């Protein structure tokens, strides 16, 4: 396989992985409420999804490092098919809850294996010194393009489906399930995995905890990875503050919940487009800033300034308030994507194939942990002191995280001696 072929396949898988969640995003809550769930039950379904995802992040990352990337990606696609298909026909709270469990398992399984497959394949073709930035940037851009396209398509689908054929709000998750089925086929036939030794189920189960423990020790023990985990937590805190507070802000500006929902769908799509742009700009930002750490500082600073702009314009009403909020939202995602791509590059340079997906899952876990902290604190702060106060805290946290990249030690990769034996899944 050539480097160009590996990149094409990685971009396709990145797009198809995030297309199904994008398609079902716009109508998920509306479908549950349409079928009789109260807001508390909807919140519980979403919470269960998050808990399942967080709980399985590290075990599934370790599993991918043991049995290989393709197997785990295929399992993720299969769980996505099951979760979205069940969601489209769910009529009770318990059916939606089970759908959330399936989607949480799928999300945890998909965290890292595709990127690890690409990095391992590129290293096999061009050697350990291969330039990861362009490929990782394009993969990140395709994820954002998928979300942008998906949220717009999912929002429009209910308007095109005859009610006599299917409940219109059920169409997006059903189409998402079909897209996930396409992903399953692509993973099985387009992602060849290097041959590795056969191992028993008992051996696999024995290796996964050891792999997880080794990856966590590596993430916490190395200066580079420890800084990157803290940066991920700060990003998670800021992103959650945006997801938590922006819909209400836009509904307030638009005048009604329905118009606010439409405004948020449009702004979210523009944000994903901004994220795609930021991913594409990441290699250039690194070159202009003299390296990946410098580029990450620039992206982090832009993100912090954008959150600060949201705080500064929180009291502006009408069209000026809507435009300023939308512009800040899009700019925030441009800066965040630049930082995310360069942090991903630094992470993969600091590890070997043996623990690559586990460490990536640790980063994802840090991101989600930061989001949980924001969910528990910034929502209450916004209710008591206003949006400006909550977003000001987020801006300060984000700006402070830029210090993590100052004098960042050069990632040298983990020592082969640190890798556990018989873990050659896709190296």
Protein backbone atom coordinates (compact mmCIF):
# COMPACT_ATOMS: atom_id res chain seq x y z
CA UNK A 1 0.00 0.00 0.00
CA UNK A 2 1.23 3.51 -0.82
CA UNK A 3 1.07 6.56 1.46
CA UNK A 4 -1.48 8.16 -0.88
CA UNK A 5 -3.72 5.09 -0.80
CA UNK A 6 -3.52 4.93 3.01
CA UNK A 7 -4.49 8.61 3.23
CA UNK A 8 -7.50 8.16 0.93
CA UNK A 9 -8.77 5.25 3.00
CA UNK A 10 -8.19 7.08 6.27
CA UNK A 11 -10.08 10.13 5.00
CA UNK A 12 -13.00 7.97 3.83
CA UNK A 13 -13.23 6.12 7.14
CA UNK A 14 -12.98 9.41 9.07
CA UNK A 15 -15.88 10.83 7.04
CA UNK A 16 -18.06 7.73 7.37
CA UNK A 17 -17.39 7.40 11.12
CA UNK A 18 -18.83 10.84 11.90
CA UNK A 19 -21.56 10.98 9.25
CA UNK A 20 -24.12 8.84 11.19
CA UNK A 21 -23.87 10.91 14.43
CA UNK A 22 -24.14 14.09 12.36
CA UNK A 23 -27.28 12.89 10.58
CA UNK A 24 -29.12 11.97 13.78
CA UNK A 25 -27.91 15.00 15.79
CA UNK A 26 -30.52 17.55 14.70
CA UNK A 27 -33.61 15.46 15.54
CA UNK A 28 -32.45 13.17 18.37
CA UNK A 29 -34.07 15.05 21.24
CA UNK A 30 -37.17 15.92 19.20
CA UNK A 31 -37.71 12.24 18.31
CA UNK A 32 -37.55 11.18 21.97
CA UNK A 33 -39.98 13.88 23.10
CA UNK A 34 -42.30 13.14 20.14
CA UNK A 35 -42.52 9.52 21.33
CA UNK A 36 -43.46 10.48 24.87
CA UNK A 37 -40.24 10.93 26.82
CA UNK A 38 -40.00 13.80 29.27
CA UNK A 39 -36.98 16.06 29.45
CA UNK A 40 -35.68 14.24 32.55
CA UNK A 41 -35.83 10.92 30.69
CA UNK A 42 -34.11 12.45 27.66
CA UNK A 43 -31.38 13.73 29.95
CA UNK A 44 -30.98 10.27 31.50
CA UNK A 45 -30.62 8.65 28.07
CA UNK A 46 -27.89 11.14 27.14
CA UNK A 47 -26.18 10.65 30.51
CA UNK A 48 -26.14 6.87 30.11
CA UNK A 49 -24.57 7.30 26.68
CA UNK A 50 -21.84 9.49 28.19
CA UNK A 51 -21.21 7.14 31.12
CA UNK A 52 -20.90 4.11 28.84
CA UNK A 53 -18.51 6.00 26.55
CA UNK A 54 -16.28 7.20 29.38
CA UNK A 55 -16.28 3.79 31.10
CA UNK A 56 -15.16 1.95 27.98
CA UNK A 57 -12.66 4.47 26.55
CA UNK A 58 -9.56 2.83 28.01
CA UNK A 59 -10.59 -0.84 27.73
CA UNK A 60 -11.56 -0.46 24.07
CA UNK A 61 -8.35 1.46 23.34
CA UNK A 62 -6.36 -1.36 24.89
CA UNK A 63 -8.40 -3.88 22.93
CA UNK A 64 -7.50 -2.14 19.66
CA UNK A 65 -3.82 -2.26 20.59
CA UNK A 66 -4.10 -6.01 21.27
CA UNK A 67 -6.39 -7.45 18.57
CA UNK A 68 -5.90 -4.82 15.87
CA UNK A 69 -7.53 -1.66 14.61
CA UNK A 70 -9.81 -3.11 11.91
CA UNK A 71 -11.63 -5.51 14.23
CA UNK A 72 -12.43 -2.76 16.72
CA UNK A 73 -13.52 -0.30 14.01
CA UNK A 74 -15.79 -2.95 12.49
CA UNK A 75 -17.33 -3.62 15.91
CA UNK A 76 -17.88 0.12 16.35
CA UNK A 77 -19.69 0.33 13.02
CA UNK A 78 -21.86 -2.67 13.91
CA UNK A 79 -22.87 -1.13 17.25
CA UNK A 80 -23.67 2.14 15.47
CA UNK A 81 -25.95 0.30 13.04
CA UNK A 82 -27.71 -1.42 15.94
CA UNK A 83 -28.00 1.76 18.03
CA UNK A 84 -29.39 3.99 15.29
CA UNK A 85 -31.71 1.35 13.84
CA UNK A 86 -33.13 0.72 17.31
CA UNK A 87 -33.45 4.46 17.89
CA UNK A 88 -35.51 4.87 14.72
CA UNK A 89 -38.12 2.34 15.92
CA UNK A 90 -37.98 3.06 19.67
CA UNK A 91 -41.29 3.88 21.33
CA UNK A 92 -40.41 3.54 25.03
CA UNK A 93 -37.87 4.96 27.44
CA UNK A 94 -36.13 1.60 27.82
CA UNK A 95 -35.71 1.17 24.06
CA UNK A 96 -34.12 4.62 23.80
CA UNK A 97 -31.92 3.80 26.81
CA UNK A 98 -30.68 0.61 25.15
CA UNK A 99 -30.05 2.59 21.97
CA UNK A 100 -27.95 5.02 24.02
CA UNK A 101 -25.92 2.13 25.43
CA UNK A 102 -25.23 0.80 21.92
CA UNK A 103 -24.19 4.25 20.72
CA UNK A 104 -21.94 4.72 23.74
CA UNK A 105 -20.17 1.42 23.06
CA UNK A 106 -19.77 2.43 19.41
CA UNK A 107 -18.32 5.82 20.36
CA UNK A 108 -15.79 4.28 22.73
CA UNK A 109 -14.74 1.69 20.16
CA UNK A 110 -14.23 4.35 17.48
CA UNK A 111 -11.96 6.53 19.63
CA UNK A 112 -8.50 6.22 18.12
CA UNK A 113 -8.25 3.05 15.99
CA UNK A 114 -8.63 4.76 12.59
CA UNK A 115 -5.93 7.32 13.36
CA UNK A 116 -3.69 4.60 14.79
CA UNK A 117 -4.21 2.51 11.64
CA UNK A 118 -3.17 5.44 9.46
CA UNK A 119 -0.10 6.31 11.55
CA UNK A 120 1.03 2.68 11.71
CA UNK A 121 0.51 2.23 7.96
CA UNK A 122 2.35 5.44 7.11
CA UNK A 123 5.24 4.46 9.37
CA UNK A 124 5.36 1.11 7.60
CA UNK A 125 5.58 2.83 4.21
CA UNK A 126 7.79 5.85 4.97
CA UNK A 127 9.41 4.98 8.28
CA UNK A 128 9.12 6.50 11.78
CA UNK A 129 10.18 9.93 10.50
CA UNK A 130 7.10 10.26 8.24
CA UNK A 131 5.34 13.64 8.37
CA UNK A 132 2.02 13.00 10.13
CA UNK A 133 0.60 16.53 10.01
CA UNK A 134 -0.91 16.62 6.49
CA UNK A 135 -2.71 13.30 6.83
CA UNK A 136 -3.99 13.91 10.34
CA UNK A 137 -5.16 17.37 9.26
CA UNK A 138 -7.11 15.95 6.31
CA UNK A 139 -8.63 13.24 8.48
CA UNK A 140 -9.77 15.85 11.00
CA UNK A 141 -11.17 17.98 8.20
CA UNK A 142 -13.18 15.05 6.85
CA UNK A 143 -14.67 14.42 10.30
CA UNK A 144 -15.84 18.02 10.45
CA UNK A 145 -17.16 17.93 6.88
CA UNK A 146 -19.14 14.80 7.77
CA UNK A 147 -20.68 16.50 10.81
CA UNK A 148 -21.47 19.65 8.84
CA UNK A 149 -23.09 17.73 5.99
CA UNK A 150 -24.79 15.32 8.38
CA UNK A 151 -26.43 17.91 10.60
CA UNK A 152 -27.80 19.79 7.58
CA UNK A 153 -29.04 16.61 5.88
CA UNK A 154 -30.55 15.31 9.11
CA UNK A 155 -32.33 18.58 9.70
CA UNK A 156 -33.84 18.56 6.20
CA UNK A 157 -34.81 14.87 6.01
CA UNK A 158 -38.00 15.11 8.12
CA UNK A 159 -39.35 17.68 5.66
CA UNK A 160 -38.92 15.24 2.77
CA UNK A 161 -40.39 12.06 4.27
CA UNK A 162 -44.16 11.45 3.81
CA UNK A 163 -45.76 10.94 7.26
CA UNK A 164 -47.74 8.02 5.83
CA UNK A 165 -44.50 6.16 5.12
CA UNK A 166 -42.55 6.80 8.31
CA UNK A 167 -42.53 9.15 11.26
CA UNK A 168 -40.47 11.99 9.72
CA UNK A 169 -38.30 12.46 12.83
CA UNK A 170 -37.34 8.76 12.67
CA UNK A 171 -35.85 9.12 9.19
CA UNK A 172 -32.46 10.65 10.21
CA UNK A 173 -31.39 7.83 12.58
CA UNK A 174 -32.55 5.24 10.04
CA UNK A 175 -30.47 6.86 7.29
CA UNK A 176 -27.61 7.14 9.79
CA UNK A 177 -27.81 3.38 10.36
CA UNK A 178 -27.48 2.83 6.59
CA UNK A 179 -24.43 5.12 6.52
CA UNK A 180 -22.92 3.10 9.40
CA UNK A 181 -23.51 -0.09 7.44
CA UNK A 182 -21.52 1.41 4.56
CA UNK A 183 -18.75 2.18 7.06
CA UNK A 184 -18.75 -1.44 8.22
CA UNK A 185 -18.25 -2.68 4.65
CA UNK A 186 -15.47 -0.16 3.98
CA UNK A 187 -13.63 -1.10 7.18
CA UNK A 188 -13.80 -4.81 6.44
CA UNK A 189 -12.59 -4.53 2.85
CA UNK A 190 -10.50 -1.33 2.66
CA UNK A 191 -8.38 -1.39 5.82
CA UNK A 192 -5.89 -4.25 5.48
CA UNK A 193 -4.18 -5.02 8.75
CA UNK A 194 -0.64 -6.41 8.98
CA UNK A 195 -0.56 -10.07 9.90
CA UNK A 196 -0.17 -10.75 13.60
CA UNK A 197 0.10 -13.87 15.67
CA UNK A 198 -3.05 -15.77 16.57
CA UNK A 199 -3.93 -15.58 20.24
CA UNK A 200 -6.55 -17.16 22.45
CA UNK A 201 -9.48 -15.29 23.95
CA UNK A 202 -7.94 -15.82 27.38
CA UNK A 203 -4.67 -14.32 26.19
CA UNK A 204 -6.45 -11.30 24.69
CA UNK A 205 -8.43 -10.66 27.87
CA UNK A 206 -5.25 -10.97 29.92
CA UNK A 207 -3.35 -8.49 27.75
CA UNK A 208 -5.97 -5.73 27.59
CA UNK A 209 -5.75 -4.69 31.28
CA UNK A 210 -1.95 -4.74 31.08
CA UNK A 211 -2.07 -2.65 27.92
CA UNK A 212 -4.44 -0.15 29.55
CA UNK A 213 -2.28 0.09 32.67
CA UNK A 214 0.86 0.58 30.57
CA UNK A 215 -0.81 3.27 28.45
CA UNK A 216 -2.05 5.16 31.52
CA UNK A 217 1.40 4.98 33.14
CA UNK A 218 2.91 6.31 29.94
CA UNK A 219 0.37 9.14 29.66
CA UNK A 220 0.85 10.23 33.27
CA UNK A 221 4.58 9.60 33.48
CA UNK A 222 5.83 11.38 30.37
CA UNK A 223 6.17 15.16 30.40
CA UNK A 224 4.81 15.58 26.86
CA UNK A 225 1.78 13.33 27.29
CA UNK A 226 0.97 14.68 30.75
CA UNK A 227 0.79 18.20 29.32
CA UNK A 228 -1.32 17.01 26.39
CA UNK A 229 -3.80 15.30 28.74
CA UNK A 230 -4.22 18.54 30.71
CA UNK A 231 -4.69 20.50 27.48
CA UNK A 232 -7.38 18.01 26.40
CA UNK A 233 -9.20 18.48 29.72
CA UNK A 234 -9.17 22.27 29.26
CA UNK A 235 -10.54 21.89 25.72
CA UNK A 236 -13.27 19.57 26.96
CA UNK A 237 -14.30 22.10 29.58
CA UNK A 238 -14.58 24.88 27.00
CA UNK A 239 -16.42 22.74 24.42
CA UNK A 240 -18.97 21.63 27.00
CA UNK A 241 -19.56 25.25 28.02
CA UNK A 242 -20.33 26.03 24.38
CA UNK A 243 -22.66 23.05 23.86
CA UNK A 244 -24.39 23.71 27.17
CA UNK A 245 -24.95 27.46 26.92
CA UNK A 246 -25.09 28.37 23.21
CA UNK A 247 -28.53 26.86 22.37
CA UNK A 248 -30.24 28.86 25.11
CA UNK A 249 -28.39 32.03 24.10
CA UNK A 250 -29.48 31.65 20.46
CA UNK A 251 -33.07 30.85 21.47
CA UNK A 252 -33.09 34.05 23.55
CA UNK A 253 -31.78 36.05 20.59
CA UNK A 254 -34.18 34.45 18.08
CA UNK A 255 -37.22 34.95 20.23
CA UNK A 256 -38.67 31.41 20.29
CA UNK A 257 -37.34 27.94 21.01
CA UNK A 258 -38.23 26.74 17.49
CA UNK A 259 -36.42 29.60 15.78
CA UNK A 260 -33.53 29.22 18.23
CA UNK A 261 -33.28 25.54 17.34
CA UNK A 262 -33.06 26.40 13.65
CA UNK A 263 -30.47 29.08 14.40
CA UNK A 264 -28.42 26.62 16.42
CA UNK A 265 -28.55 24.01 13.62
CA UNK A 266 -27.21 26.57 11.15
CA UNK A 267 -24.55 27.86 13.56
CA UNK A 268 -23.51 24.29 14.44
CA UNK A 269 -23.09 23.44 10.76
CA UNK A 270 -20.99 26.58 10.27
CA UNK A 271 -18.97 25.59 13.33
CA UNK A 272 -18.22 22.19 11.84
CA UNK A 273 -17.20 23.91 8.61
CA UNK A 274 -14.90 26.13 10.69
CA UNK A 275 -13.47 23.02 12.31
CA UNK A 276 -12.73 21.56 8.89
CA UNK A 277 -10.97 24.79 7.92
CA UNK A 278 -8.96 24.75 11.13
CA UNK A 279 -7.87 21.15 10.54
CA UNK A 280 -6.72 22.06 7.02
CA UNK A 281 -4.83 25.09 8.33
CA UNK A 282 -3.04 23.20 11.14
CA UNK A 283 0.11 22.25 9.15
CA UNK A 284 0.53 25.83 7.94
CA UNK A 285 -0.01 27.19 11.45
CA UNK A 286 2.73 24.88 12.72
CA UNK A 287 5.13 26.01 10.01
CA UNK A 288 4.47 29.70 10.67
CA UNK A 289 4.78 29.22 14.44
CA UNK A 290 8.02 27.28 14.20
CA UNK A 291 6.64 23.89 15.20
CA UNK A 292 3.60 21.98 16.41
CA UNK A 293 3.80 23.36 19.96
CA UNK A 294 3.87 26.93 18.65
CA UNK A 295 0.94 26.22 16.34
CA UNK A 296 -1.01 24.74 19.27
CA UNK A 297 -0.36 27.92 21.27
CA UNK A 298 -1.78 30.00 18.41
CA UNK A 299 -4.86 27.78 18.09
CA UNK A 300 -5.44 27.80 21.84
CA UNK A 301 -5.13 31.59 22.02
CA UNK A 302 -7.63 32.00 19.15
CA UNK A 303 -10.07 29.68 20.93
CA UNK A 304 -9.69 31.61 24.20
CA UNK A 305 -10.27 34.93 22.44
CA UNK A 306 -13.41 33.54 20.79
CA UNK A 307 -14.85 32.39 24.12
CA UNK A 308 -13.94 35.80 25.52
CA UNK A 309 -15.86 37.41 22.65
CA UNK A 310 -18.92 35.32 23.55
CA UNK A 311 -18.62 36.58 27.11
CA UNK A 312 -18.17 40.19 26.01
CA UNK A 313 -21.25 40.11 23.73
CA UNK A 314 -23.50 38.13 26.08
CA UNK A 315 -25.55 41.26 26.73
CA UNK A 316 -25.97 42.30 23.09
CA UNK A 317 -29.49 41.73 21.72
CA UNK A 318 -31.08 41.36 18.30
CA UNK A 319 -29.29 40.80 15.02
CA UNK A 320 -25.94 42.20 16.26
CA UNK A 321 -25.99 39.70 19.12
CA UNK A 322 -26.84 36.83 16.77
CA UNK A 323 -24.09 37.73 14.30
CA UNK A 324 -21.44 38.27 16.98
CA UNK A 325 -22.33 34.97 18.68
CA UNK A 326 -22.23 33.10 15.37
CA UNK A 327 -18.89 34.60 14.34
CA UNK A 328 -17.33 33.84 17.71
CA UNK A 329 -18.67 30.27 17.56
CA UNK A 330 -17.19 29.59 14.13
CA UNK A 331 -13.83 31.21 14.99
CA UNK A 332 -13.69 29.15 18.17
CA UNK A 333 -13.95 25.93 16.18
CA UNK A 334 -11.25 27.04 13.74
CA UNK A 335 -8.81 27.60 16.60
CA UNK A 336 -9.86 24.44 18.43
CA UNK A 337 -9.31 22.28 15.34
CA UNK A 338 -5.80 23.69 14.80
CA UNK A 339 -4.90 22.78 18.37
CA UNK A 340 -6.56 19.35 18.17
CA UNK A 341 -4.68 18.25 15.05
CA UNK A 342 -1.30 19.38 16.38
CA UNK A 343 -1.93 17.77 19.77
CA UNK A 344 -2.81 14.55 17.96
CA UNK A 345 0.46 14.71 16.05
CA UNK A 346 2.44 15.30 19.26
CA UNK A 347 0.63 12.41 20.94
CA UNK A 348 1.41 9.92 18.18
CA UNK A 349 5.04 11.01 18.06
CA UNK A 350 5.36 10.30 21.77
CA UNK A 351 4.20 6.67 21.66
CA UNK A 352 4.85 3.42 19.85
CA UNK A 353 2.32 1.28 17.99
CA UNK A 354 1.94 -0.98 21.03
CA UNK A 355 0.16 1.65 23.13
CA UNK A 356 -0.96 4.11 20.43
CA UNK A 357 -4.74 3.64 20.67
CA UNK A 358 -4.73 3.32 24.46
CA UNK A 359 -3.01 6.67 24.86
CA UNK A 360 -5.35 8.25 22.29
CA UNK A 361 -8.29 6.94 24.34
CA UNK A 362 -6.71 8.43 27.47
CA UNK A 363 -6.68 11.80 25.70
CA UNK A 364 -10.34 11.37 24.76
CA UNK A 365 -11.12 10.46 28.36
CA UNK A 366 -9.36 13.65 29.53
CA UNK A 367 -11.44 15.68 27.06
CA UNK A 368 -14.68 14.18 28.34
CA UNK A 369 -13.61 14.57 31.97
CA UNK A 370 -13.11 18.28 31.36
CA UNK A 371 -16.60 18.36 29.88
CA UNK A 372 -18.05 16.71 32.97
CA UNK A 373 -16.38 19.33 35.19
CA UNK A 374 -17.87 22.09 33.03
CA UNK A 375 -21.27 20.45 33.13
CA UNK A 376 -21.19 20.39 36.93
CA UNK A 377 -19.85 23.92 37.41
CA UNK A 378 -20.36 26.31 34.51
CA UNK A 379 -24.07 25.58 34.13
CA UNK A 380 -24.68 26.56 37.74
CA UNK A 381 -22.41 29.58 37.40
CA UNK A 382 -24.34 30.75 34.32
CA UNK A 383 -27.64 30.35 36.16
CA UNK A 384 -26.43 32.36 39.15
CA UNK A 385 -24.09 34.96 37.63
CA UNK A 386 -25.01 34.96 33.92
CA UNK A 387 -23.54 33.72 30.66
CA UNK A 388 -20.75 36.31 30.65
CA UNK A 389 -19.34 34.98 33.92
CA UNK A 390 -19.40 31.33 32.79
CA UNK A 391 -17.80 32.05 29.44
CA UNK A 392 -15.21 34.32 31.06
CA UNK A 393 -14.10 31.40 33.24
CA UNK A 394 -13.91 29.20 30.14
CA UNK A 395 -11.80 31.78 28.32
CA UNK A 396 -9.37 32.07 31.25
CA UNK A 397 -9.04 28.28 31.51
CA UNK A 398 -8.36 27.98 27.78
CA UNK A 399 -5.83 30.80 27.72
CA UNK A 400 -4.02 29.34 30.73
CA UNK A 401 -3.78 25.97 28.95
CA UNK A 402 -1.63 27.63 26.27
CA UNK A 403 1.17 27.67 28.87
CA UNK A 404 1.26 23.87 28.66
CA UNK A 405 2.81 24.16 25.20
CA UNK A 406 5.53 26.63 26.21
CA UNK A 407 8.94 24.93 26.12
CA UNK A 408 7.21 21.65 25.31
CA UNK A 409 9.79 18.82 25.36
CA UNK A 410 10.31 17.23 21.96
CA UNK A 411 8.32 13.97 21.69
CA UNK A 412 10.76 11.13 21.13
CA UNK A 413 8.44 8.15 21.26
CA UNK A 414 8.23 5.64 24.06
CA UNK A 415 11.04 3.23 24.52
CA UNK A 416 10.56 -0.20 22.98
CA UNK A 417 11.34 -1.59 26.40
CA UNK A 418 8.17 -0.04 27.72
CA UNK A 419 5.96 -1.96 25.34
CA UNK A 420 4.49 -5.20 26.57
CA UNK A 421 5.29 -8.34 24.57
CA UNK A 422 2.91 -10.01 22.10
CA UNK A 423 0.91 -6.86 21.37
CA UNK A 424 1.62 -6.48 17.67
CA UNK A 425 -1.95 -5.85 16.56
CA UNK A 426 -1.19 -3.50 13.71
CA UNK A 427 2.31 -2.32 14.10
